[in-house]
Structures are given as structure tokens and as C-alpha cells.
């Protein structure tokens, strides 16, 4: 499940180029974040492990898709109080 606009684009391209059947699911909420697009990259559709976007010591937030962006925003809030 794509978590960023770049993930969404890159996974769609990899899905089209794949010789295997692919189920592609996107999230329209990511369409609004087009300004965050980075340079495209080649993506291997083999199972991938989780991505650690912001390491910390006090709290663990786990999300997929659009929720990842919401959790990144939420992670900023406690950092003002010294929570990592």
C-alpha cells in the first residue's frame, strides 16, 4: 500500500511493467500531495519489509497508506515535549 505520492507513482509503474498479475490499490488522499513528488525510482514488486521513516525511543507508530502521513504529523506533536 503506497504511503507517499512517490510510492504511489512508482508502484503503479512497476505494476504496469510487471509480467505477473498485480492488484494495485491507491489512495486518492495522496493525489492532493503532488507537490511532494520526488524523482522516480525502480521498484521491485517482491515483498518488502517495513520502512522506518523516523526512528525514536519512546513511542512506536505503525501505519500504512495515507495513515503513514497522518502518523508522521502526529509524531511531531510530542517532540515539543521531549518525547521521541
C-alpha atoms as a PDB file:
ATOM      1  CA  UNK A   1       0.000   0.000   0.000  1.00  0.00           C
ATOM      2  CA  UNK A   2       1.625   3.276  -1.030  1.00  0.00           C
ATOM      3  CA  UNK A   3       2.343   5.748   1.748  1.00  0.00           C
ATOM      4  CA  UNK A   4       3.572   8.720  -0.297  1.00  0.00           C
ATOM      5  CA  UNK A   5       2.757  10.172  -3.711  1.00  0.00           C
ATOM      6  CA  UNK A   6       6.130   8.901  -4.966  1.00  0.00           C
ATOM      7  CA  UNK A   7       5.383   5.381  -3.680  1.00  0.00           C
ATOM      8  CA  UNK A   8       2.042   5.504  -5.447  1.00  0.00           C
ATOM      9  CA  UNK A   9       3.552   6.546  -8.783  1.00  0.00           C
ATOM     10  CA  UNK A  10       6.478   4.120  -8.592  1.00  0.00           C
ATOM     11  CA  UNK A  11       4.277   1.165  -7.611  1.00  0.00           C
ATOM     12  CA  UNK A  12       1.855   1.933 -10.441  1.00  0.00           C
ATOM     13  CA  UNK A  13       4.710   1.980 -12.974  1.00  0.00           C
ATOM     14  CA  UNK A  14       6.117  -1.286 -11.572  1.00  0.00           C
ATOM     15  CA  UNK A  15       2.636  -2.840 -11.749  1.00  0.00           C
ATOM     16  CA  UNK A  16       2.219  -1.924 -15.412  1.00  0.00           C
ATOM     17  CA  UNK A  17       5.696  -3.239 -16.302  1.00  0.00           C
ATOM     18  CA  UNK A  18       5.267  -6.479 -14.358  1.00  0.00           C
ATOM     19  CA  UNK A  19       4.644  -9.644 -16.324  1.00  0.00           C
ATOM     20  CA  UNK A  20       2.596 -11.066 -13.450  1.00  0.00           C
ATOM     21  CA  UNK A  21      -0.959 -10.361 -12.324  1.00  0.00           C
ATOM     22  CA  UNK A  22      -0.951  -7.408  -9.942  1.00  0.00           C
ATOM     23  CA  UNK A  23      -3.615  -5.909  -7.700  1.00  0.00           C
ATOM     24  CA  UNK A  24      -2.920  -2.192  -7.408  1.00  0.00           C
ATOM     25  CA  UNK A  25      -4.637  -0.198  -4.674  1.00  0.00           C
ATOM     26  CA  UNK A  26      -4.084   3.512  -4.338  1.00  0.00           C
ATOM     27  CA  UNK A  27      -5.388   6.184  -2.024  1.00  0.00           C
ATOM     28  CA  UNK A  28      -6.940   9.301  -3.519  1.00  0.00           C
ATOM     29  CA  UNK A  29      -5.897  11.338  -0.479  1.00  0.00           C
ATOM     30  CA  UNK A  30      -2.330  11.070  -1.797  1.00  0.00           C
ATOM     31  CA  UNK A  31      -3.351  12.855  -5.021  1.00  0.00           C
ATOM     32  CA  UNK A  32      -3.556  16.131  -3.069  1.00  0.00           C
ATOM     33  CA  UNK A  33       0.121  15.833  -2.071  1.00  0.00           C
ATOM     34  CA  UNK A  34       1.508  16.046  -5.621  1.00  0.00           C
ATOM     35  CA  UNK A  35       3.976  18.761  -4.591  1.00  0.00           C
ATOM     36  CA  UNK A  36       5.878  16.166  -2.518  1.00  0.00           C
ATOM     37  CA  UNK A  37       6.801  14.034  -5.535  1.00  0.00           C
ATOM     38  CA  UNK A  38      10.452  13.079  -5.729  1.00  0.00           C
ATOM     39  CA  UNK A  39      12.410  11.610  -8.616  1.00  0.00           C
ATOM     40  CA  UNK A  40      11.030   8.252  -9.767  1.00  0.00           C
ATOM     41  CA  UNK A  41      12.815   5.041  -8.805  1.00  0.00           C
ATOM     42  CA  UNK A  42      12.648   1.415  -9.885  1.00  0.00           C
ATOM     43  CA  UNK A  43      10.557  -0.680  -7.506  1.00  0.00           C
ATOM     44  CA  UNK A  44      10.762  -4.451  -7.113  1.00  0.00           C
ATOM     45  CA  UNK A  45       7.285  -5.864  -6.514  1.00  0.00           C
ATOM     46  CA  UNK A  46       8.636  -8.731  -4.407  1.00  0.00           C
ATOM     47  CA  UNK A  47       7.529  -8.466  -0.774  1.00  0.00           C
ATOM     48  CA  UNK A  48       9.349  -5.716   1.037  1.00  0.00           C
ATOM     49  CA  UNK A  49       9.829  -5.177   4.747  1.00  0.00           C
ATOM     50  CA  UNK A  50       8.585  -2.204   6.711  1.00  0.00           C
ATOM     51  CA  UNK A  51      10.160   1.221   6.269  1.00  0.00           C
ATOM     52  CA  UNK A  52      11.331   3.146   9.309  1.00  0.00           C
ATOM     53  CA  UNK A  53      10.619   6.758   8.447  1.00  0.00           C
ATOM     54  CA  UNK A  54      11.520   8.308  11.779  1.00  0.00           C
ATOM     55  CA  UNK A  55      13.388   6.334  14.431  1.00  0.00           C
ATOM     56  CA  UNK A  56      12.538   7.091  18.043  1.00  0.00           C
ATOM     57  CA  UNK A  57      12.882   5.704  21.548  1.00  0.00           C
ATOM     58  CA  UNK A  58       9.593   6.361  23.370  1.00  0.00           C
ATOM     59  CA  UNK A  59       6.668   5.647  21.029  1.00  0.00           C
ATOM     60  CA  UNK A  60       6.117   3.383  18.023  1.00  0.00           C
ATOM     61  CA  UNK A  61       3.507   4.341  15.439  1.00  0.00           C
ATOM     62  CA  UNK A  62       2.697   1.846  12.687  1.00  0.00           C
ATOM     63  CA  UNK A  63       0.625   2.818   9.679  1.00  0.00           C
ATOM     64  CA  UNK A  64       0.038   2.038   6.047  1.00  0.00           C
ATOM     65  CA  UNK A  65      -1.080   4.157   3.147  1.00  0.00           C
ATOM     66  CA  UNK A  66      -2.377   7.626   3.962  1.00  0.00           C
ATOM     67  CA  UNK A  67      -2.257   6.859   7.700  1.00  0.00           C
ATOM     68  CA  UNK A  68       1.533   6.939   7.432  1.00  0.00           C
ATOM     69  CA  UNK A  69       1.395  10.651   6.619  1.00  0.00           C
ATOM     70  CA  UNK A  70      -1.026  11.268   9.490  1.00  0.00           C
ATOM     71  CA  UNK A  71       1.303   9.431  11.872  1.00  0.00           C
ATOM     72  CA  UNK A  72       4.258  11.491  10.674  1.00  0.00           C
ATOM     73  CA  UNK A  73       2.295  14.634  11.543  1.00  0.00           C
ATOM     74  CA  UNK A  74       1.313  13.174  14.924  1.00  0.00           C
ATOM     75  CA  UNK A  75       4.939  12.288  15.683  1.00  0.00           C
ATOM     76  CA  UNK A  76       5.853  15.977  15.514  1.00  0.00           C
ATOM     77  CA  UNK A  77       3.491  16.875  18.350  1.00  0.00           C
ATOM     78  CA  UNK A  78       5.120  15.036  21.279  1.00  0.00           C
ATOM     79  CA  UNK A  79       8.627  16.042  20.192  1.00  0.00           C
ATOM     80  CA  UNK A  80       7.854  19.527  21.543  1.00  0.00           C
ATOM     81  CA  UNK A  81       7.534  17.915  24.973  1.00  0.00           C
ATOM     82  CA  UNK A  82      10.727  15.865  24.763  1.00  0.00           C
ATOM     83  CA  UNK A  83       9.053  12.616  23.699  1.00  0.00           C
ATOM     84  CA  UNK A  84      10.941  10.864  20.896  1.00  0.00           C
END
